[in-house]
Amino acid sequence: MFRIIYPNTVYADQHGEPCIISRATDTEVFYRRRGRNCIASMSRFNQDFEPLTREESELIKRDIEQAEHIAKLRAQRAAAV
């Protein structure tokens, strides 16, 4: 299957994390996940990544932020006890 990969599009990796495409060459895809730059081969990208709509990516980001916030609150409560 042939797919054009545009910069600034959002995909989900094999862990369900949203990734923003920085650029793509004929052999590699450069993307950002959780603020880190990553590289995937074209074959790995085609196998492990799926495109997301903007609404889906926003929902995933909010869920991740909420989970991190809850973990931080639990750590603060444990430190206070």
PDB file of N, CA and C in Angstrom:
ATOM      1  N   MET A   1       0.836  -1.171   0.000  1.00  0.00           N
ATOM      2  CA  MET A   1       0.000   0.000   0.000  1.00  0.00           C
ATOM      3  C   MET A   1       0.888   1.244   0.000  1.00  0.00           C
ATOM      4  N   PHE A   2       0.502   2.201  -0.777  1.00  0.00           N
ATOM      5  CA  PHE A   2       1.255   3.439  -0.905  1.00  0.00           C
ATOM      6  C   PHE A   2       0.544   4.536  -0.133  1.00  0.00           C
ATOM      7  N   ARG A   3       1.290   5.245   0.718  1.00  0.00           N
ATOM      8  CA  ARG A   3       0.714   6.315   1.510  1.00  0.00           C
ATOM      9  C   ARG A   3       1.670   7.488   1.501  1.00  0.00           C
ATOM     10  N   ILE A   4       1.171   8.682   1.263  1.00  0.00           N
ATOM     11  CA  ILE A   4       1.994   9.881   1.329  1.00  0.00           C
ATOM     12  C   ILE A   4       2.011  10.356   2.773  1.00  0.00           C
ATOM     13  N   ILE A   5       3.208  10.592   3.287  1.00  0.00           N
ATOM     14  CA  ILE A   5       3.373  11.008   4.684  1.00  0.00           C
ATOM     15  C   ILE A   5       3.732  12.482   4.691  1.00  0.00           C
ATOM     16  N   TYR A   6       2.813  13.291   5.175  1.00  0.00           N
ATOM     17  CA  TYR A   6       3.007  14.734   5.216  1.00  0.00           C
ATOM     18  C   TYR A   6       3.569  15.173   6.561  1.00  0.00           C
ATOM     19  N   PRO A   7       4.409  16.224   6.584  1.00  0.00           N
ATOM     20  CA  PRO A   7       4.867  16.780   7.860  1.00  0.00           C
ATOM     21  C   PRO A   7       3.688  17.347   8.648  1.00  0.00           C
ATOM     22  N   ASN A   8       3.818  17.354   9.959  1.00  0.00           N
ATOM     23  CA  ASN A   8       2.827  17.877  10.909  1.00  0.00           C
ATOM     24  C   ASN A   8       1.524  17.090  10.932  1.00  0.00           C
ATOM     25  N   THR A   9       1.526  15.862  10.419  1.00  0.00           N
ATOM     26  CA  THR A   9       0.362  15.005  10.585  1.00  0.00           C
ATOM     27  C   THR A   9       0.568  14.148  11.827  1.00  0.00           C
ATOM     28  N   VAL A  10      -0.520  13.659  12.378  1.00  0.00           N
ATOM     29  CA  VAL A  10      -0.456  12.917  13.632  1.00  0.00           C
ATOM     30  C   VAL A  10      -0.749  11.453  13.369  1.00  0.00           C
ATOM     31  N   TYR A  11       0.109  10.591  13.912  1.00  0.00           N
ATOM     32  CA  TYR A  11      -0.053   9.144  13.814  1.00  0.00           C
ATOM     33  C   TYR A  11       0.033   8.568  15.219  1.00  0.00           C
ATOM     34  N   ALA A  12      -0.492   7.375  15.392  1.00  0.00           N
ATOM     35  CA  ALA A  12      -0.352   6.643  16.655  1.00  0.00           C
ATOM     36  C   ALA A  12       0.653   5.530  16.451  1.00  0.00           C
ATOM     37  N   ASP A  13       1.575   5.382  17.410  1.00  0.00           N
ATOM     38  CA  ASP A  13       2.556   4.300  17.305  1.00  0.00           C
ATOM     39  C   ASP A  13       1.977   3.012  17.881  1.00  0.00           C
ATOM     40  N   GLN A  14       2.792   1.973  17.992  1.00  0.00           N
ATOM     41  CA  GLN A  14       2.309   0.679  18.462  1.00  0.00           C
ATOM     42  C   GLN A  14       1.845   0.713  19.907  1.00  0.00           C
ATOM     43  N   HIS A  15       2.233   1.737  20.677  1.00  0.00           N
ATOM     44  CA  HIS A  15       1.811   1.873  22.064  1.00  0.00           C
ATOM     45  C   HIS A  15       0.590   2.768  22.206  1.00  0.00           C
ATOM     46  N   GLY A  16       0.098   3.310  21.109  1.00  0.00           N
ATOM     47  CA  GLY A  16      -1.059   4.188  21.139  1.00  0.00           C
ATOM     48  C   GLY A  16      -0.725   5.639  21.421  1.00  0.00           C
ATOM     49  N   GLU A  17       0.554   5.978  21.478  1.00  0.00           N
ATOM     50  CA  GLU A  17       0.983   7.349  21.737  1.00  0.00           C
ATOM     51  C   GLU A  17       0.890   8.181  20.469  1.00  0.00           C
ATOM     52  N   PRO A  18       0.425   9.414  20.575  1.00  0.00           N
ATOM     53  CA  PRO A  18       0.400  10.266  19.382  1.00  0.00           C
ATOM     54  C   PRO A  18       1.803  10.726  19.006  1.00  0.00           C
ATOM     55  N   CYS A  19       2.111  10.701  17.729  1.00  0.00           N
ATOM     56  CA  CYS A  19       3.405  11.113  17.199  1.00  0.00           C
ATOM     57  C   CYS A  19       3.169  12.120  16.086  1.00  0.00           C
ATOM     58  N   ILE A  20       3.949  13.199  16.079  1.00  0.00           N
ATOM     59  CA  ILE A  20       3.836  14.207  15.042  1.00  0.00           C
ATOM     60  C   ILE A  20       4.996  14.020  14.075  1.00  0.00           C
ATOM     61  N   ILE A  21       4.676  13.889  12.800  1.00  0.00           N
ATOM     62  CA  ILE A  21       5.681  13.657  11.771  1.00  0.00           C
ATOM     63  C   ILE A  21       6.442  14.951  11.514  1.00  0.00           C
ATOM     64  N   SER A  22       7.763  14.898  11.624  1.00  0.00           N
ATOM     65  CA  SER A  22       8.605  16.056  11.319  1.00  0.00           C
ATOM     66  C   SER A  22       8.923  16.106   9.833  1.00  0.00           C
ATOM     67  N   ARG A  23       9.426  14.980   9.318  1.00  0.00           N
ATOM     68  CA  ARG A  23       9.743  14.884   7.902  1.00  0.00           C
ATOM     69  C   ARG A  23       9.908  13.411   7.557  1.00  0.00           C
ATOM     70  N   ALA A  24       9.929  13.143   6.263  1.00  0.00           N
ATOM     71  CA  ALA A  24      10.092  11.763   5.803  1.00  0.00           C
ATOM     72  C   ALA A  24      10.971  11.756   4.560  1.00  0.00           C
ATOM     73  N   THR A  25      11.811  10.742   4.485  1.00  0.00           N
ATOM     74  CA  THR A  25      12.610  10.509   3.286  1.00  0.00           C
ATOM     75  C   THR A  25      12.097   9.226   2.649  1.00  0.00           C
ATOM     76  N   ASP A  26      12.787   8.756   1.635  1.00  0.00           N
ATOM     77  CA  ASP A  26      12.332   7.521   1.003  1.00  0.00           C
ATOM     78  C   ASP A  26      12.620   6.285   1.848  1.00  0.00           C
ATOM     79  N   THR A  27      13.483   6.394   2.875  1.00  0.00           N
ATOM     80  CA  THR A  27      13.808   5.237   3.707  1.00  0.00           C
ATOM     81  C   THR A  27      13.493   5.424   5.186  1.00  0.00           C
ATOM     82  N   GLU A  28      13.303   6.666   5.655  1.00  0.00           N
ATOM     83  CA  GLU A  28      13.109   6.919   7.085  1.00  0.00           C
ATOM     84  C   GLU A  28      12.005   7.943   7.318  1.00  0.00           C
ATOM     85  N   VAL A  29      11.401   7.834   8.507  1.00  0.00           N
ATOM     86  CA  VAL A  29      10.403   8.801   8.949  1.00  0.00           C
ATOM     87  C   VAL A  29      10.891   9.384  10.271  1.00  0.00           C
ATOM     88  N   PHE A  30      10.935  10.705  10.350  1.00  0.00           N
ATOM     89  CA  PHE A  30      11.370  11.410  11.551  1.00  0.00           C
ATOM     90  C   PHE A  30      10.121  11.954  12.235  1.00  0.00           C
ATOM     91  N   TYR A  31       9.974  11.656  13.531  1.00  0.00           N
ATOM     92  CA  TYR A  31       8.773  12.078  14.246  1.00  0.00           C
ATOM     93  C   TYR A  31       9.114  12.476  15.673  1.00  0.00           C
ATOM     94  N   ARG A  32       8.159  13.170  16.323  1.00  0.00           N
ATOM     95  CA  ARG A  32       8.311  13.576  17.721  1.00  0.00           C
ATOM     96  C   ARG A  32       7.262  12.860  18.550  1.00  0.00           C
ATOM     97  N   ARG A  33       7.720  12.254  19.646  1.00  0.00           N
ATOM     98  CA  ARG A  33       6.816  11.599  20.582  1.00  0.00           C
ATOM     99  C   ARG A  33       7.224  12.003  21.982  1.00  0.00           C
ATOM    100  N   ARG A  34       6.278  12.568  22.723  1.00  0.00           N
ATOM    101  CA  ARG A  34       6.522  13.048  24.085  1.00  0.00           C
ATOM    102  C   ARG A  34       7.716  13.990  24.148  1.00  0.00           C
ATOM    103  N   GLY A  35       7.848  14.849  23.140  1.00  0.00           N
ATOM    104  CA  GLY A  35       8.903  15.842  23.123  1.00  0.00           C
ATOM    105  C   GLY A  35      10.268  15.333  22.697  1.00  0.00           C
ATOM    106  N   ARG A  36      10.366  14.088  22.303  1.00  0.00           N
ATOM    107  CA  ARG A  36      11.642  13.516  21.877  1.00  0.00           C
ATOM    108  C   ARG A  36      11.615  13.243  20.388  1.00  0.00           C
ATOM    109  N   ASN A  37      12.744  13.459  19.741  1.00  0.00           N
ATOM    110  CA  ASN A  37      12.873  13.167  18.316  1.00  0.00           C
ATOM    111  C   ASN A  37      13.177  11.688  18.135  1.00  0.00           C
ATOM    112  N   CYS A  38      12.477  11.053  17.221  1.00  0.00           N
ATOM    113  CA  CYS A  38      12.649   9.623  16.965  1.00  0.00           C
ATOM    114  C   CYS A  38      12.719   9.388  15.461  1.00  0.00           C
ATOM    115  N   ILE A  39      13.259   8.239  15.095  1.00  0.00           N
ATOM    116  CA  ILE A  39      13.384   7.858  13.694  1.00  0.00           C
ATOM    117  C   ILE A  39      12.871   6.425  13.552  1.00  0.00           C
ATOM    118  N   ALA A  40      12.111   6.189  12.487  1.00  0.00           N
ATOM    119  CA  ALA A  40      11.647   4.837  12.170  1.00  0.00           C
ATOM    120  C   ALA A  40      11.928   4.568  10.702  1.00  0.00           C
ATOM    121  N   SER A  41      12.258   3.327  10.400  1.00  0.00           N
ATOM    122  CA  SER A  41      12.420   2.968   8.989  1.00  0.00           C
ATOM    123  C   SER A  41      11.043   2.997   8.330  1.00  0.00           C
ATOM    124  N   MET A  42      11.033   3.130   7.039  1.00  0.00           N
ATOM    125  CA  MET A  42       9.767   3.209   6.315  1.00  0.00           C
ATOM    126  C   MET A  42       8.946   1.937   6.496  1.00  0.00           C
ATOM    127  N   SER A  43       9.598   0.773   6.483  1.00  0.00           N
ATOM    128  CA  SER A  43       8.855  -0.481   6.650  1.00  0.00           C
ATOM    129  C   SER A  43       8.274  -0.590   8.059  1.00  0.00           C
ATOM    130  N   ARG A  44       9.039  -0.201   9.075  1.00  0.00           N
ATOM    131  CA  ARG A  44       8.526  -0.219  10.448  1.00  0.00           C
ATOM    132  C   ARG A  44       7.381   0.775  10.605  1.00  0.00           C
ATOM    133  N   PHE A  45       7.525   1.946  10.003  1.00  0.00           N
ATOM    134  CA  PHE A  45       6.474   2.948  10.090  1.00  0.00           C
ATOM    135  C   PHE A  45       5.177   2.424   9.482  1.00  0.00           C
ATOM    136  N   ASN A  46       5.262   1.812   8.307  1.00  0.00           N
ATOM    137  CA  ASN A  46       4.064   1.284   7.660  1.00  0.00           C
ATOM    138  C   ASN A  46       3.425   0.158   8.451  1.00  0.00           C
ATOM    139  N   GLN A  47       4.227  -0.577   9.190  1.00  0.00           N
ATOM    140  CA  GLN A  47       3.715  -1.710   9.951  1.00  0.00           C
ATOM    141  C   GLN A  47       3.137  -1.288  11.303  1.00  0.00           C
ATOM    142  N   ASP A  48       3.787  -0.354  12.007  1.00  0.00           N
ATOM    143  CA  ASP A  48       3.443  -0.058  13.397  1.00  0.00           C
ATOM    144  C   ASP A  48       2.632   1.214  13.623  1.00  0.00           C
ATOM    145  N   PHE A  49       2.499   2.075  12.640  1.00  0.00           N
ATOM    146  CA  PHE A  49       1.844   3.359  12.849  1.00  0.00           C
ATOM    147  C   PHE A  49       0.524   3.424  12.087  1.00  0.00           C
ATOM    148  N   GLU A  50      -0.433   4.159  12.661  1.00  0.00           N
ATOM    149  CA  GLU A  50      -1.701   4.380  11.978  1.00  0.00           C
ATOM    150  C   GLU A  50      -2.088   5.849  12.096  1.00  0.00           C
ATOM    151  N   PRO A  51      -2.700   6.412  11.063  1.00  0.00           N
ATOM    152  CA  PRO A  51      -3.046   7.841  11.101  1.00  0.00           C
ATOM    153  C   PRO A  51      -4.168   8.123  12.089  1.00  0.00           C
ATOM    154  N   LEU A  52      -4.121   9.294  12.693  1.00  0.00           N
ATOM    155  CA  LEU A  52      -5.150   9.753  13.624  1.00  0.00           C
ATOM    156  C   LEU A  52      -5.777  11.036  13.100  1.00  0.00           C
ATOM    157  N   THR A  53      -7.034  11.225  13.429  1.00  0.00           N
ATOM    158  CA  THR A  53      -7.648  12.516  13.156  1.00  0.00           C
ATOM    159  C   THR A  53      -7.229  13.475  14.256  1.00  0.00           C
ATOM    160  N   ARG A  54      -7.417  14.747  14.047  1.00  0.00           N
ATOM    161  CA  ARG A  54      -7.040  15.748  15.043  1.00  0.00           C
ATOM    162  C   ARG A  54      -7.816  15.537  16.350  1.00  0.00           C
ATOM    163  N   GLU A  55      -9.091  15.168  16.261  1.00  0.00           N
ATOM    164  CA  GLU A  55      -9.905  14.940  17.459  1.00  0.00           C
ATOM    165  C   GLU A  55      -9.396  13.752  18.267  1.00  0.00           C
ATOM    166  N   GLU A  56      -9.029  12.677  17.570  1.00  0.00           N
ATOM    167  CA  GLU A  56      -8.498  11.501  18.261  1.00  0.00           C
ATOM    168  C   GLU A  56      -7.187  11.823  18.965  1.00  0.00           C
ATOM    169  N   SER A  57      -6.324  12.582  18.310  1.00  0.00           N
ATOM    170  CA  SER A  57      -5.039  12.911  18.928  1.00  0.00           C
ATOM    171  C   SER A  57      -5.225  13.813  20.144  1.00  0.00           C
ATOM    172  N   GLU A  58      -6.152  14.758  20.083  1.00  0.00           N
ATOM    173  CA  GLU A  58      -6.414  15.623  21.237  1.00  0.00           C
ATOM    174  C   GLU A  58      -6.965  14.830  22.407  1.00  0.00           C
ATOM    175  N   LEU A  59      -7.839  13.878  22.141  1.00  0.00           N
ATOM    176  CA  LEU A  59      -8.389  13.041  23.197  1.00  0.00           C
ATOM    177  C   LEU A  59      -7.299  12.207  23.864  1.00  0.00           C
ATOM    178  N   ILE A  60      -6.413  11.632  23.075  1.00  0.00           N
ATOM    179  CA  ILE A  60      -5.307  10.843  23.629  1.00  0.00           C
ATOM    180  C   ILE A  60      -4.386  11.720  24.459  1.00  0.00           C
ATOM    181  N   LYS A  61      -4.055  12.920  23.969  1.00  0.00           N
ATOM    182  CA  LYS A  61      -3.183  13.829  24.717  1.00  0.00           C
ATOM    183  C   LYS A  61      -3.796  14.212  26.056  1.00  0.00           C
ATOM    184  N   ARG A  62      -5.111  14.497  26.068  1.00  0.00           N
ATOM    185  CA  ARG A  62      -5.774  14.845  27.327  1.00  0.00           C
ATOM    186  C   ARG A  62      -5.755  13.683  28.300  1.00  0.00           C
ATOM    187  N   ASP A  63      -5.965  12.456  27.807  1.00  0.00           N
ATOM    188  CA  ASP A  63      -5.922  11.283  28.681  1.00  0.00           C
ATOM    189  C   ASP A  63      -4.535  11.081  29.281  1.00  0.00           C
ATOM    190  N   ILE A  64      -3.498  11.279  28.479  1.00  0.00           N
ATOM    191  CA  ILE A  64      -2.123  11.133  28.975  1.00  0.00           C
ATOM    192  C   ILE A  64      -1.818  12.194  30.019  1.00  0.00           C
ATOM    193  N   GLU A  65      -2.203  13.445  29.762  1.00  0.00           N
ATOM    194  CA  GLU A  65      -1.975  14.523  30.725  1.00  0.00           C
ATOM    195  C   GLU A  65      -2.717  14.264  32.032  1.00  0.00           C
ATOM    196  N   GLN A  66      -3.943  13.765  31.944  1.00  0.00           N
ATOM    197  CA  GLN A  66      -4.713  13.467  33.144  1.00  0.00           C
ATOM    198  C   GLN A  66      -4.054  12.354  33.950  1.00  0.00           C
ATOM    199  N   ALA A  67      -3.578  11.313  33.284  1.00  0.00           N
ATOM    200  CA  ALA A  67      -2.913  10.212  33.985  1.00  0.00           C
ATOM    201  C   ALA A  67      -1.625  10.693  34.663  1.00  0.00           C
ATOM    202  N   GLU A  68      -0.855  11.558  33.993  1.00  0.00           N
ATOM    203  CA  GLU A  68       0.361  12.104  34.600  1.00  0.00           C
ATOM    204  C   GLU A  68       0.031  12.977  35.799  1.00  0.00           C
ATOM    205  N   HIS A  69      -1.034  13.769  35.709  1.00  0.00           N
ATOM    206  CA  HIS A  69      -1.443  14.634  36.812  1.00  0.00           C
ATOM    207  C   HIS A  69      -1.879  13.801  38.020  1.00  0.00           C
ATOM    208  N   ILE A  70      -2.630  12.732  37.777  1.00  0.00           N
ATOM    209  CA  ILE A  70      -3.060  11.863  38.875  1.00  0.00           C
ATOM    210  C   ILE A  70      -1.860  11.196  39.525  1.00  0.00           C
ATOM    211  N   ALA A  71      -0.886  10.766  38.730  1.00  0.00           N
ATOM    212  CA  ALA A  71       0.323  10.150  39.292  1.00  0.00           C
ATOM    213  C   ALA A  71       1.098  11.151  40.149  1.00  0.00           C
ATOM    214  N   LYS A  72       1.161  12.410  39.698  1.00  0.00           N
ATOM    215  CA  LYS A  72       1.853  13.439  40.468  1.00  0.00           C
ATOM    216  C   LYS A  72       1.137  13.704  41.797  1.00  0.00           C
ATOM    217  N   LEU A  73      -0.191  13.766  41.773  1.00  0.00           N
ATOM    218  CA  LEU A  73      -0.950  13.976  43.004  1.00  0.00           C
ATOM    219  C   LEU A  73      -0.767  12.825  43.985  1.00  0.00           C
ATOM    220  N   ARG A  74      -0.743  11.607  43.480  1.00  0.00           N
ATOM    221  CA  ARG A  74      -0.536  10.441  44.351  1.00  0.00           C
ATOM    222  C   ARG A  74       0.859  10.463  44.965  1.00  0.00           C
ATOM    223  N   ALA A  75       1.851  10.888  44.184  1.00  0.00           N
ATOM    224  CA  ALA A  75       3.211  10.979  44.726  1.00  0.00           C
ATOM    225  C   ALA A  75       3.296  12.048  45.806  1.00  0.00           C
ATOM    226  N   GLN A  76       2.611  13.168  45.613  1.00  0.00           N
ATOM    227  CA  GLN A  76       2.606  14.221  46.621  1.00  0.00           C
ATOM    228  C   GLN A  76       1.920  13.735  47.893  1.00  0.00           C
ATOM    229  N   ARG A  77       0.825  13.010  47.759  1.00  0.00           N
ATOM    230  CA  ARG A  77       0.113  12.498  48.925  1.00  0.00           C
ATOM    231  C   ARG A  77       0.974  11.477  49.665  1.00  0.00           C
ATOM    232  N   ALA A  78       1.681  10.626  48.939  1.00  0.00           N
ATOM    233  CA  ALA A  78       2.544   9.626  49.576  1.00  0.00           C
ATOM    234  C   ALA A  78       3.713  10.297  50.308  1.00  0.00           C
ATOM    235  N   ALA A  79       4.221  11.403  49.756  1.00  0.00           N
ATOM    236  CA  ALA A  79       5.326  12.093  50.398  1.00  0.00           C
ATOM    237  C   ALA A  79       4.870  12.825  51.659  1.00  0.00           C
ATOM    238  N   ALA A  80       3.612  13.251  51.686  1.00  0.00           N
ATOM    239  CA  ALA A  80       3.083  13.981  52.835  1.00  0.00           C
ATOM    240  C   ALA A  80       2.776  13.045  54.005  1.00  0.00           C
ATOM    241  N   VAL A  81       2.575  11.779  53.739  1.00  0.00           N
ATOM    242  CA  VAL A  81       2.210  10.827  54.798  1.00  0.00           C
ATOM    243  C   VAL A  81       3.411  10.317  55.498  1.00  0.00           C
TER     244      VAL A  81
END
